[in-house]
Amino acid sequence: MMETKKAPIRRAFDAGRSAAFLMPRRQIPRIYGRVGSLEVRLAQSRADLRRAQNLRYRVFYEEMSAVPSLLSQMRRRDEDDYDAICDHLLVVDVDAKPAGGHGWTSGRRPEVVGTYRVLRQEQAERAQGFYTQSEYDIAPLVEARRSNYKFMELGRSCVLKPYRNKRTVELLWHGLWTYVREHKVDVMIGCASFAGTDPDAHAMALSFLHHHALASPEWRCRAHDHLHVPMDRIPIENIDAKAALKALPPLIKGYLRLGATVGDGAVIDHQFGTTDVLIVLPVENIDPRYFEHFGAPEEVRSRIAVDA
């Protein structure tokens, strides 16, 4: 969903690989919910992480227009330094066999069909910081709000094409919302993307976001000057709101419905072939009508937990 994608800090790569290597091979899975053959849970092992990276590669590099490094192409995994310090939310189909499986392993592990990468503030500050800082200057906002708000970064959101339906997306959101409440997160932040690197191709939608969804000054973050691409490409009086909403990617539209706002300026990600916008979503701004389905902020358990 929020897609923070590039691998910007090479100096941490060896440390990240070491941390990933030290992940336990097996733990009791932290399952947040189950619907039919699908369940949402946290990655608990190196194998879980690799399967999430495989899914990201299939979506970002094979289906979309991301350009892989030679190493990523050889491994067929989308991976970076941040994977080792993040938690990884997975939607798995317990009845499906992984694509490309061989021999006895093909029937032993359920397929990962959706994933979200999450980075809590305390995890980020113990390591190399938030990834989003590489595109937007979020540091002043985090510092100004640290006494009352706990931030969490969202990224690398994707769902396997045959599973892109309401059930899978809602299951992923059940897991994410349960994780947010479990860790008492106050603000979700990260980047979401338009396909392609030509902002004029998205002029109506970007202008709509600038004029109608720009974060208030106290929550606003700006793209770094050398990356900043103006979003107000069309005057407000010329915006067709209906056409703009239709042109928004479903993920961004979903965030807006929840109560999110956007940062100042877009950023072109040439490696992934996208135009990124910053999403800022304080939990206190979430439309209360969603609590009836996903659970109220004071609830900790998922309403679709396995033992509910």
C-alpha atoms as a PDB file:
ATOM      1  CA  MET A   1       0.000   0.000   0.000  1.00  0.00           C
ATOM      2  CA  MET A   2       2.348   2.862   1.024  1.00  0.00           C
ATOM      3  CA  GLU A   3       5.275   2.004  -1.191  1.00  0.00           C
ATOM      4  CA  THR A   4       8.682   3.185   0.037  1.00  0.00           C
ATOM      5  CA  LYS A   5      10.844   1.252  -2.344  1.00  0.00           C
ATOM      6  CA  LYS A   6      14.460   2.215  -3.083  1.00  0.00           C
ATOM      7  CA  ALA A   7      17.562   0.982  -1.246  1.00  0.00           C
ATOM      8  CA  PRO A   8      19.389   4.233  -0.433  1.00  0.00           C
ATOM      9  CA  ILE A   9      21.945   3.449   2.264  1.00  0.00           C
ATOM     10  CA  ARG A  10      24.560   1.042   1.028  1.00  0.00           C
ATOM     11  CA  ARG A  11      26.756   1.335   4.109  1.00  0.00           C
ATOM     12  CA  ALA A  12      24.161  -0.503   6.193  1.00  0.00           C
ATOM     13  CA  PHE A  13      23.865  -3.424   3.790  1.00  0.00           C
ATOM     14  CA  ASP A  14      26.272  -5.753   5.568  1.00  0.00           C
ATOM     15  CA  ALA A  15      24.648  -5.028   8.931  1.00  0.00           C
ATOM     16  CA  GLY A  16      21.231  -5.656   7.426  1.00  0.00           C
ATOM     17  CA  ARG A  17      22.325  -8.987   5.979  1.00  0.00           C
ATOM     18  CA  SER A  18      23.782 -10.005   9.336  1.00  0.00           C
ATOM     19  CA  ALA A  19      20.582  -9.125  11.138  1.00  0.00           C
ATOM     20  CA  ALA A  20      18.530 -11.040   8.595  1.00  0.00           C
ATOM     21  CA  PHE A  21      20.828 -14.031   8.996  1.00  0.00           C
ATOM     22  CA  LEU A  22      20.185 -13.992  12.739  1.00  0.00           C
ATOM     23  CA  MET A  23      16.405 -14.153  12.319  1.00  0.00           C
ATOM     24  CA  PRO A  24      15.112 -17.371  13.867  1.00  0.00           C
ATOM     25  CA  ARG A  25      14.229 -20.117  11.467  1.00  0.00           C
ATOM     26  CA  ARG A  26      10.975 -20.923  13.197  1.00  0.00           C
ATOM     27  CA  GLN A  27       8.680 -19.244  15.718  1.00  0.00           C
ATOM     28  CA  ILE A  28       5.041 -19.649  16.630  1.00  0.00           C
ATOM     29  CA  PRO A  29       3.328 -17.499  13.974  1.00  0.00           C
ATOM     30  CA  ARG A  30       1.617 -14.278  15.099  1.00  0.00           C
ATOM     31  CA  ILE A  31      -1.698 -14.690  13.278  1.00  0.00           C
ATOM     32  CA  TYR A  32      -3.966 -11.637  13.176  1.00  0.00           C
ATOM     33  CA  GLY A  33      -6.885 -13.092  11.273  1.00  0.00           C
ATOM     34  CA  ARG A  34      -8.184 -15.682   8.852  1.00  0.00           C
ATOM     35  CA  VAL A  35     -10.863 -15.673   6.148  1.00  0.00           C
ATOM     36  CA  GLY A  36     -11.333 -18.904   4.209  1.00  0.00           C
ATOM     37  CA  SER A  37      -7.932 -20.162   3.077  1.00  0.00           C
ATOM     38  CA  LEU A  38      -6.291 -16.767   3.626  1.00  0.00           C
ATOM     39  CA  GLU A  39      -4.643 -15.675   6.847  1.00  0.00           C
ATOM     40  CA  VAL A  40      -2.770 -12.527   7.808  1.00  0.00           C
ATOM     41  CA  ARG A  41       0.245 -12.784  10.074  1.00  0.00           C
ATOM     42  CA  LEU A  42       3.723 -11.476  10.776  1.00  0.00           C
ATOM     43  CA  ALA A  43       6.788 -12.958   9.105  1.00  0.00           C
ATOM     44  CA  GLN A  44       8.579 -15.112  11.674  1.00  0.00           C
ATOM     45  CA  SER A  45      11.566 -16.534   9.822  1.00  0.00           C
ATOM     46  CA  ARG A  46      14.117 -15.944   7.098  1.00  0.00           C
ATOM     47  CA  ALA A  47      12.017 -18.122   4.813  1.00  0.00           C
ATOM     48  CA  ASP A  48       8.978 -15.885   5.428  1.00  0.00           C
ATOM     49  CA  LEU A  49      11.032 -12.805   4.579  1.00  0.00           C
ATOM     50  CA  ARG A  50      12.384 -14.372   1.392  1.00  0.00           C
ATOM     51  CA  ARG A  51       8.879 -15.254   0.240  1.00  0.00           C
ATOM     52  CA  ALA A  52       7.756 -11.648   0.837  1.00  0.00           C
ATOM     53  CA  GLN A  53      10.761 -10.451  -1.170  1.00  0.00           C
ATOM     54  CA  ASN A  54       9.901 -12.920  -3.950  1.00  0.00           C
ATOM     55  CA  LEU A  55       6.364 -11.525  -4.099  1.00  0.00           C
ATOM     56  CA  ARG A  56       7.635  -7.957  -4.214  1.00  0.00           C
ATOM     57  CA  TYR A  57       9.952  -8.892  -7.097  1.00  0.00           C
ATOM     58  CA  ARG A  58       7.108 -10.475  -9.050  1.00  0.00           C
ATOM     59  CA  VAL A  59       4.903  -7.397  -8.634  1.00  0.00           C
ATOM     60  CA  PHE A  60       7.407  -4.516  -8.812  1.00  0.00           C
ATOM     61  CA  TYR A  61       9.879  -5.916 -11.356  1.00  0.00           C
ATOM     62  CA  GLU A  62       8.016  -8.445 -13.468  1.00  0.00           C
ATOM     63  CA  GLU A  63       4.560  -6.867 -13.572  1.00  0.00           C
ATOM     64  CA  MET A  64       5.461  -3.209 -13.112  1.00  0.00           C
ATOM     65  CA  SER A  65       8.403  -1.248 -14.470  1.00  0.00           C
ATOM     66  CA  ALA A  66      11.012  -1.353 -11.707  1.00  0.00           C
ATOM     67  CA  VAL A  67      14.579  -1.919 -12.903  1.00  0.00           C
ATOM     68  CA  PRO A  68      16.346  -4.643 -10.887  1.00  0.00           C
ATOM     69  CA  SER A  69      19.980  -4.688  -9.935  1.00  0.00           C
ATOM     70  CA  LEU A  70      21.999  -7.658 -11.159  1.00  0.00           C
ATOM     71  CA  LEU A  71      21.843  -9.176  -7.662  1.00  0.00           C
ATOM     72  CA  SER A  72      18.058  -8.774  -7.431  1.00  0.00           C
ATOM     73  CA  GLN A  73      17.664 -10.266 -10.880  1.00  0.00           C
ATOM     74  CA  MET A  74      19.764 -13.287  -9.951  1.00  0.00           C
ATOM     75  CA  ARG A  75      17.945 -13.856  -6.657  1.00  0.00           C
ATOM     76  CA  ARG A  76      14.523 -12.816  -7.989  1.00  0.00           C
ATOM     77  CA  ARG A  77      13.975 -10.942  -4.761  1.00  0.00           C
ATOM     78  CA  ASP A  78      13.285  -7.291  -4.014  1.00  0.00           C
ATOM     79  CA  GLU A  79      15.471  -6.661  -0.974  1.00  0.00           C
ATOM     80  CA  ASP A  80      17.216  -3.771   0.713  1.00  0.00           C
ATOM     81  CA  ASP A  81      18.886  -2.710   3.939  1.00  0.00           C
ATOM     82  CA  TYR A  82      15.618  -1.948   5.677  1.00  0.00           C
ATOM     83  CA  ASP A  83      14.174  -5.453   5.448  1.00  0.00           C
ATOM     84  CA  ALA A  84      16.233  -6.608   8.427  1.00  0.00           C
ATOM     85  CA  ILE A  85      14.943  -3.900  10.796  1.00  0.00           C
ATOM     86  CA  CYS A  86      11.296  -3.914   9.699  1.00  0.00           C
ATOM     87  CA  ASP A  87       8.372  -6.163  10.518  1.00  0.00           C
ATOM     88  CA  HIS A  88       6.680  -7.790   7.539  1.00  0.00           C
ATOM     89  CA  LEU A  89       2.943  -8.361   7.449  1.00  0.00           C
ATOM     90  CA  LEU A  90       1.961 -11.274   5.211  1.00  0.00           C
ATOM     91  CA  VAL A  91      -1.257 -12.534   3.699  1.00  0.00           C
ATOM     92  CA  VAL A  92      -0.793 -16.216   2.920  1.00  0.00           C
ATOM     93  CA  ASP A  93      -3.000 -18.686   1.104  1.00  0.00           C
ATOM     94  CA  VAL A  94      -2.650 -21.821   3.191  1.00  0.00           C
ATOM     95  CA  ASP A  95      -4.171 -23.977   0.437  1.00  0.00           C
ATOM     96  CA  ALA A  96      -2.010 -22.715  -2.436  1.00  0.00           C
ATOM     97  CA  LYS A  97       1.330 -24.084  -3.566  1.00  0.00           C
ATOM     98  CA  PRO A  98       4.031 -21.455  -4.170  1.00  0.00           C
ATOM     99  CA  ALA A  99       4.604 -20.568  -7.795  1.00  0.00           C
ATOM    100  CA  GLY A 100       7.676 -22.308  -9.128  1.00  0.00           C
ATOM    101  CA  GLY A 101       7.823 -24.767  -6.229  1.00  0.00           C
ATOM    102  CA  HIS A 102       9.702 -28.018  -6.792  1.00  0.00           C
ATOM    103  CA  GLY A 103       9.777 -31.383  -5.125  1.00  0.00           C
ATOM    104  CA  TRP A 104       8.665 -31.897  -1.547  1.00  0.00           C
ATOM    105  CA  THR A 105       8.871 -28.151  -0.727  1.00  0.00           C
ATOM    106  CA  SER A 106       6.131 -27.188  -3.195  1.00  0.00           C
ATOM    107  CA  GLY A 107       3.376 -28.546  -0.992  1.00  0.00           C
ATOM    108  CA  ARG A 108       4.809 -27.655   2.401  1.00  0.00           C
ATOM    109  CA  ARG A 109       4.648 -23.842   2.502  1.00  0.00           C
ATOM    110  CA  PRO A 110       1.611 -21.647   1.841  1.00  0.00           C
ATOM    111  CA  GLU A 111       2.033 -18.973  -0.789  1.00  0.00           C
ATOM    112  CA  VAL A 112       2.536 -15.339   0.258  1.00  0.00           C
ATOM    113  CA  VAL A 113      -0.015 -13.381  -1.780  1.00  0.00           C
ATOM    114  CA  GLY A 114       0.143  -9.989  -0.056  1.00  0.00           C
ATOM    115  CA  THR A 115       2.602  -8.046   2.067  1.00  0.00           C
ATOM    116  CA  TYR A 116       3.171  -4.782   3.907  1.00  0.00           C
ATOM    117  CA  ARG A 117       6.478  -3.645   5.389  1.00  0.00           C
ATOM    118  CA  VAL A 118       6.230  -1.667   8.629  1.00  0.00           C
ATOM    119  CA  LEU A 119       8.889   0.267  10.523  1.00  0.00           C
ATOM    120  CA  ARG A 120       8.109   1.638  13.970  1.00  0.00           C
ATOM    121  CA  GLN A 121       9.788   4.801  15.201  1.00  0.00           C
ATOM    122  CA  GLU A 122      11.786   3.049  17.916  1.00  0.00           C
ATOM    123  CA  GLN A 123      13.116   0.538  15.368  1.00  0.00           C
ATOM    124  CA  ALA A 124      14.039   3.292  12.906  1.00  0.00           C
ATOM    125  CA  GLU A 125      15.855   5.369  15.506  1.00  0.00           C
ATOM    126  CA  ARG A 126      17.968   2.399  16.593  1.00  0.00           C
ATOM    127  CA  ALA A 127      19.115   1.919  12.988  1.00  0.00           C
ATOM    128  CA  GLN A 128      19.323   4.206   9.950  1.00  0.00           C
ATOM    129  CA  GLY A 129      16.099   6.166  10.397  1.00  0.00           C
ATOM    130  CA  PHE A 130      12.974   6.149   8.264  1.00  0.00           C
ATOM    131  CA  TYR A 131      13.320   5.326   4.589  1.00  0.00           C
ATOM    132  CA  THR A 132      10.841   8.080   3.693  1.00  0.00           C
ATOM    133  CA  GLN A 133      13.406  10.670   4.774  1.00  0.00           C
ATOM    134  CA  SER A 134      15.298   9.899   1.550  1.00  0.00           C
ATOM    135  CA  GLU A 135      12.451  11.546  -0.401  1.00  0.00           C
ATOM    136  CA  TYR A 136      10.683  13.880   2.047  1.00  0.00           C
ATOM    137  CA  ASP A 137      11.954  15.944   4.954  1.00  0.00           C
ATOM    138  CA  ILE A 138       9.881  14.227   7.640  1.00  0.00           C
ATOM    139  CA  ALA A 139      12.489  14.581  10.403  1.00  0.00           C
ATOM    140  CA  PRO A 140      11.216  17.963  11.706  1.00  0.00           C
ATOM    141  CA  LEU A 141       7.647  16.644  11.976  1.00  0.00           C
ATOM    142  CA  VAL A 142       8.720  13.496  13.824  1.00  0.00           C
ATOM    143  CA  GLU A 143      10.896  15.532  16.195  1.00  0.00           C
ATOM    144  CA  ALA A 144       8.211  18.142  16.866  1.00  0.00           C
ATOM    145  CA  ARG A 145       5.597  15.480  17.660  1.00  0.00           C
ATOM    146  CA  ARG A 146       7.704  12.897  19.472  1.00  0.00           C
ATOM    147  CA  SER A 147       6.432  13.735  22.964  1.00  0.00           C
ATOM    148  CA  ASN A 148       2.818  12.879  22.079  1.00  0.00           C
ATOM    149  CA  TYR A 149       2.888  10.777  18.906  1.00  0.00           C
ATOM    150  CA  LYS A 150       4.505   7.481  17.918  1.00  0.00           C
ATOM    151  CA  PHE A 151       5.176   7.224  14.185  1.00  0.00           C
ATOM    152  CA  MET A 152       5.220   4.154  11.975  1.00  0.00           C
ATOM    153  CA  GLU A 153       6.325   3.958   8.355  1.00  0.00           C
ATOM    154  CA  LEU A 154       4.459   1.841   5.809  1.00  0.00           C
ATOM    155  CA  GLY A 155       5.990   0.571   2.605  1.00  0.00           C
ATOM    156  CA  ARG A 156       6.515  -2.169   0.032  1.00  0.00           C
ATOM    157  CA  SER A 157       2.783  -2.849  -0.142  1.00  0.00           C
ATOM    158  CA  CYS A 158       1.717  -5.270  -2.866  1.00  0.00           C
ATOM    159  CA  VAL A 159      -0.766  -8.050  -3.602  1.00  0.00           C
ATOM    160  CA  LEU A 160      -0.402 -10.844  -6.166  1.00  0.00           C
ATOM    161  CA  LYS A 161      -2.602 -10.092  -9.180  1.00  0.00           C
ATOM    162  CA  PRO A 162      -5.086 -13.004  -8.877  1.00  0.00           C
ATOM    163  CA  TYR A 163      -5.719 -11.988  -5.261  1.00  0.00           C
ATOM    164  CA  ARG A 164      -6.355  -8.289  -5.833  1.00  0.00           C
ATOM    165  CA  ASN A 165      -9.865  -8.232  -4.484  1.00  0.00           C
ATOM    166  CA  LYS A 166     -11.744  -6.786  -1.549  1.00  0.00           C
ATOM    167  CA  ARG A 167     -11.246  -9.843   0.653  1.00  0.00           C
ATOM    168  CA  THR A 168      -7.448  -9.866   0.415  1.00  0.00           C
ATOM    169  CA  VAL A 169      -7.074  -6.112   0.827  1.00  0.00           C
ATOM    170  CA  GLU A 170      -9.403  -6.035   3.825  1.00  0.00           C
ATOM    171  CA  LEU A 171      -7.547  -8.937   5.423  1.00  0.00           C
ATOM    172  CA  LEU A 172      -4.272  -7.055   4.986  1.00  0.00           C
ATOM    173  CA  TRP A 173      -5.862  -4.006   6.586  1.00  0.00           C
ATOM    174  CA  HIS A 174      -7.189  -6.064   9.498  1.00  0.00           C
ATOM    175  CA  GLY A 175      -3.656  -7.191  10.176  1.00  0.00           C
ATOM    176  CA  LEU A 176      -2.172  -3.723   9.807  1.00  0.00           C
ATOM    177  CA  TRP A 177      -4.781  -2.088  12.035  1.00  0.00           C
ATOM    178  CA  THR A 178      -4.325  -4.763  14.712  1.00  0.00           C
ATOM    179  CA  TYR A 179      -0.550  -4.203  14.583  1.00  0.00           C
ATOM    180  CA  VAL A 180      -1.058  -0.423  14.916  1.00  0.00           C
ATOM    181  CA  ARG A 181      -3.239  -0.870  18.016  1.00  0.00           C
ATOM    182  CA  GLU A 182      -0.978  -3.539  19.495  1.00  0.00           C
ATOM    183  CA  HIS A 183       2.012  -1.175  19.351  1.00  0.00           C
ATOM    184  CA  LYS A 184       0.033   1.981  20.186  1.00  0.00           C
ATOM    185  CA  VAL A 185       1.035   3.737  16.977  1.00  0.00           C
ATOM    186  CA  ASP A 186      -0.350   7.259  16.575  1.00  0.00           C
ATOM    187  CA  VAL A 187       0.706   8.228  13.040  1.00  0.00           C
ATOM    188  CA  MET A 188       1.202   6.210   9.866  1.00  0.00           C
ATOM    189  CA  ILE A 189       3.455   7.759   7.253  1.00  0.00           C
ATOM    190  CA  GLY A 190       5.021   6.680   3.972  1.00  0.00           C
ATOM    191  CA  CYS A 191       4.919   7.042   0.205  1.00  0.00           C
ATOM    192  CA  ALA A 192       2.272   5.873  -2.224  1.00  0.00           C
ATOM    193  CA  SER A 193       2.800   5.790  -5.963  1.00  0.00           C
ATOM    194  CA  PHE A 194       1.377   6.578  -9.353  1.00  0.00           C
ATOM    195  CA  ALA A 195       2.647   4.394 -12.197  1.00  0.00           C
ATOM    196  CA  GLY A 196       5.089   6.119 -14.518  1.00  0.00           C
ATOM    197  CA  THR A 197       7.572   8.967 -14.235  1.00  0.00           C
ATOM    198  CA  ASP A 198       5.708  11.691 -16.158  1.00  0.00           C
ATOM    199  CA  PRO A 199       3.842  13.865 -13.633  1.00  0.00           C
ATOM    200  CA  ASP A 200       1.873  15.545 -16.422  1.00  0.00           C
ATOM    201  CA  ALA A 201       0.259  12.173 -17.151  1.00  0.00           C
ATOM    202  CA  HIS A 202      -1.271  12.481 -13.675  1.00  0.00           C
ATOM    203  CA  ALA A 203      -1.816  16.240 -13.714  1.00  0.00           C
ATOM    204  CA  MET A 204      -5.506  16.113 -12.769  1.00  0.00           C
ATOM    205  CA  ALA A 205      -5.045  13.678  -9.873  1.00  0.00           C
ATOM    206  CA  LEU A 206      -1.890  15.352  -8.524  1.00  0.00           C
ATOM    207  CA  SER A 207      -3.538  18.770  -8.692  1.00  0.00           C
ATOM    208  CA  PHE A 208      -6.591  17.431  -6.891  1.00  0.00           C
ATOM    209  CA  LEU A 209      -4.359  16.127  -4.099  1.00  0.00           C
ATOM    210  CA  HIS A 210      -2.544  19.464  -3.836  1.00  0.00           C
ATOM    211  CA  HIS A 211      -5.679  21.578  -3.722  1.00  0.00           C
ATOM    212  CA  HIS A 212      -7.980  19.293  -1.730  1.00  0.00           C
ATOM    213  CA  ALA A 213      -5.832  16.905   0.339  1.00  0.00           C
ATOM    214  CA  LEU A 214      -2.683  18.863   1.264  1.00  0.00           C
ATOM    215  CA  ALA A 215      -1.727  18.354   4.908  1.00  0.00           C
ATOM    216  CA  SER A 216      -2.335  21.271   7.254  1.00  0.00           C
ATOM    217  CA  PRO A 217       0.814  23.322   8.030  1.00  0.00           C
ATOM    218  CA  GLU A 218       1.407  21.574  11.367  1.00  0.00           C
ATOM    219  CA  TRP A 219       1.453  18.146   9.651  1.00  0.00           C
ATOM    220  CA  ARG A 220       2.990  19.127   6.333  1.00  0.00           C
ATOM    221  CA  CYS A 221       6.305  17.761   5.051  1.00  0.00           C
ATOM    222  CA  ARG A 222       7.971  18.859   1.834  1.00  0.00           C
ATOM    223  CA  ALA A 223       9.855  16.820  -0.724  1.00  0.00           C
ATOM    224  CA  HIS A 224      13.574  17.589  -0.654  1.00  0.00           C
ATOM    225  CA  ASP A 225      14.388  20.531  -2.915  1.00  0.00           C
ATOM    226  CA  HIS A 226      16.410  18.486  -5.396  1.00  0.00           C
ATOM    227  CA  LEU A 227      13.547  15.983  -5.760  1.00  0.00           C
ATOM    228  CA  HIS A 228      10.523  18.268  -5.445  1.00  0.00           C
ATOM    229  CA  VAL A 229       8.053  18.117  -8.348  1.00  0.00           C
ATOM    230  CA  PRO A 230       5.138  20.605  -8.118  1.00  0.00           C
ATOM    231  CA  MET A 231       1.739  18.937  -7.834  1.00  0.00           C
ATOM    232  CA  ASP A 232      -0.401  22.014  -8.563  1.00  0.00           C
ATOM    233  CA  ARG A 233      -0.253  21.472 -12.304  1.00  0.00           C
ATOM    234  CA  ILE A 234      -3.843  22.534 -12.983  1.00  0.00           C
ATOM    235  CA  PRO A 235      -5.625  25.553 -11.419  1.00  0.00           C
ATOM    236  CA  ILE A 236      -8.209  24.594  -8.823  1.00  0.00           C
ATOM    237  CA  GLU A 237     -11.067  26.023 -10.892  1.00  0.00           C
ATOM    238  CA  ASN A 238     -10.192  23.665 -13.779  1.00  0.00           C
ATOM    239  CA  ILE A 239     -10.137  20.468 -11.750  1.00  0.00           C
ATOM    240  CA  ASP A 240     -12.827  17.880 -12.471  1.00  0.00           C
ATOM    241  CA  ALA A 241     -13.104  16.252  -9.030  1.00  0.00           C
ATOM    242  CA  LYS A 242     -14.942  13.201 -10.350  1.00  0.00           C
ATOM    243  CA  ALA A 243     -12.318  12.561 -13.024  1.00  0.00           C
ATOM    244  CA  ALA A 244      -9.494  13.186 -10.553  1.00  0.00           C
ATOM    245  CA  LEU A 245     -10.855  10.686  -8.034  1.00  0.00           C
ATOM    246  CA  LYS A 246     -11.291   8.106 -10.772  1.00  0.00           C
ATOM    247  CA  ALA A 247      -7.660   8.611 -11.811  1.00  0.00           C
ATOM    248  CA  LEU A 248      -6.263   8.123  -8.307  1.00  0.00           C
ATOM    249  CA  PRO A 249      -4.609   4.763  -7.622  1.00  0.00           C
ATOM    250  CA  PRO A 250      -6.894   2.643  -5.375  1.00  0.00           C
ATOM    251  CA  LEU A 251      -4.348   2.713  -2.558  1.00  0.00           C
ATOM    252  CA  ILE A 252      -4.168   6.499  -2.439  1.00  0.00           C
ATOM    253  CA  LYS A 253      -7.932   6.760  -2.719  1.00  0.00           C
ATOM    254  CA  GLY A 254      -8.280   4.355   0.197  1.00  0.00           C
ATOM    255  CA  TYR A 255      -5.948   6.414   2.369  1.00  0.00           C
ATOM    256  CA  LEU A 256      -7.907   9.581   1.627  1.00  0.00           C
ATOM    257  CA  ARG A 257     -11.146   7.880   2.638  1.00  0.00           C
ATOM    258  CA  LEU A 258      -9.562   6.922   5.944  1.00  0.00           C
ATOM    259  CA  GLY A 259      -8.586  10.526   6.634  1.00  0.00           C
ATOM    260  CA  ALA A 260      -5.046  10.847   5.246  1.00  0.00           C
ATOM    261  CA  THR A 261      -3.500  13.973   3.776  1.00  0.00           C
ATOM    262  CA  VAL A 262      -0.503  14.411   1.469  1.00  0.00           C
ATOM    263  CA  GLY A 263       2.840  16.182   1.581  1.00  0.00           C
ATOM    264  CA  ASP A 264       4.073  19.116  -0.469  1.00  0.00           C
ATOM    265  CA  GLY A 265       5.377  17.982  -3.833  1.00  0.00           C
ATOM    266  CA  ALA A 266       5.758  14.688  -5.654  1.00  0.00           C
ATOM    267  CA  VAL A 267       9.000  12.727  -6.162  1.00  0.00           C
ATOM    268  CA  ILE A 268       9.984  10.826  -9.310  1.00  0.00           C
ATOM    269  CA  ASP A 269      11.418   7.386  -8.540  1.00  0.00           C
ATOM    270  CA  HIS A 270      13.274   6.405 -11.691  1.00  0.00           C
ATOM    271  CA  GLN A 271      14.386   3.023 -10.352  1.00  0.00           C
ATOM    272  CA  PHE A 272      10.832   1.891  -9.744  1.00  0.00           C
ATOM    273  CA  GLY A 273       9.249   3.884 -12.541  1.00  0.00           C
ATOM    274  CA  THR A 274       6.798   5.718 -10.287  1.00  0.00           C
ATOM    275  CA  THR A 275       5.678   9.157  -9.173  1.00  0.00           C
ATOM    276  CA  ASP A 276       5.516   9.167  -5.384  1.00  0.00           C
ATOM    277  CA  VAL A 277       3.426  11.234  -2.985  1.00  0.00           C
ATOM    278  CA  LEU A 278       3.768  11.399   0.785  1.00  0.00           C
ATOM    279  CA  ILE A 279       0.863  10.069   2.849  1.00  0.00           C
ATOM    280  CA  VAL A 280       0.355  11.263   6.441  1.00  0.00           C
ATOM    281  CA  LEU A 281      -2.356   9.498   8.460  1.00  0.00           C
ATOM    282  CA  PRO A 282      -2.758  10.307  12.175  1.00  0.00           C
ATOM    283  CA  VAL A 283      -4.888   7.637  13.841  1.00  0.00           C
ATOM    284  CA  GLU A 284      -6.977  10.404  15.421  1.00  0.00           C
ATOM    285  CA  ASN A 285      -8.055  11.474  11.911  1.00  0.00           C
ATOM    286  CA  ILE A 286      -9.380   8.073  10.828  1.00  0.00           C
ATOM    287  CA  ASP A 287     -13.062   8.227   9.953  1.00  0.00           C
ATOM    288  CA  PRO A 288     -14.890   6.506  12.869  1.00  0.00           C
ATOM    289  CA  ARG A 289     -17.204   4.612  10.522  1.00  0.00           C
ATOM    290  CA  TYR A 290     -14.311   2.252   9.739  1.00  0.00           C
ATOM    291  CA  PHE A 291     -14.093   1.214  13.393  1.00  0.00           C
ATOM    292  CA  GLU A 292     -17.410  -0.621  13.085  1.00  0.00           C
ATOM    293  CA  HIS A 293     -15.771  -3.054  10.679  1.00  0.00           C
ATOM    294  CA  PHE A 294     -12.099  -3.122  11.684  1.00  0.00           C
ATOM    295  CA  GLY A 295     -12.383  -2.434  15.420  1.00  0.00           C
ATOM    296  CA  ALA A 296     -12.105   0.629  17.637  1.00  0.00           C
ATOM    297  CA  PRO A 297      -8.695   2.128  18.556  1.00  0.00           C
ATOM    298  CA  GLU A 298      -8.922   0.863  22.142  1.00  0.00           C
ATOM    299  CA  GLU A 299      -9.463  -2.713  20.975  1.00  0.00           C
ATOM    300  CA  VAL A 300      -6.286  -4.770  20.666  1.00  0.00           C
ATOM    301  CA  ARG A 301      -7.459  -8.022  19.112  1.00  0.00           C
ATOM    302  CA  SER A 302      -8.443  -8.401  15.514  1.00  0.00           C
ATOM    303  CA  ARG A 303     -12.160  -8.974  15.030  1.00  0.00           C
ATOM    304  CA  ILE A 304     -11.309 -11.839  12.676  1.00  0.00           C
ATOM    305  CA  ALA A 305      -8.666 -13.422  14.894  1.00  0.00           C
ATOM    306  CA  VAL A 306      -8.402 -17.191  14.534  1.00  0.00           C
ATOM    307  CA  ASP A 307      -9.631 -17.740  18.088  1.00  0.00           C
ATOM    308  CA  ALA A 308     -12.232 -14.952  18.050  1.00  0.00           C
END
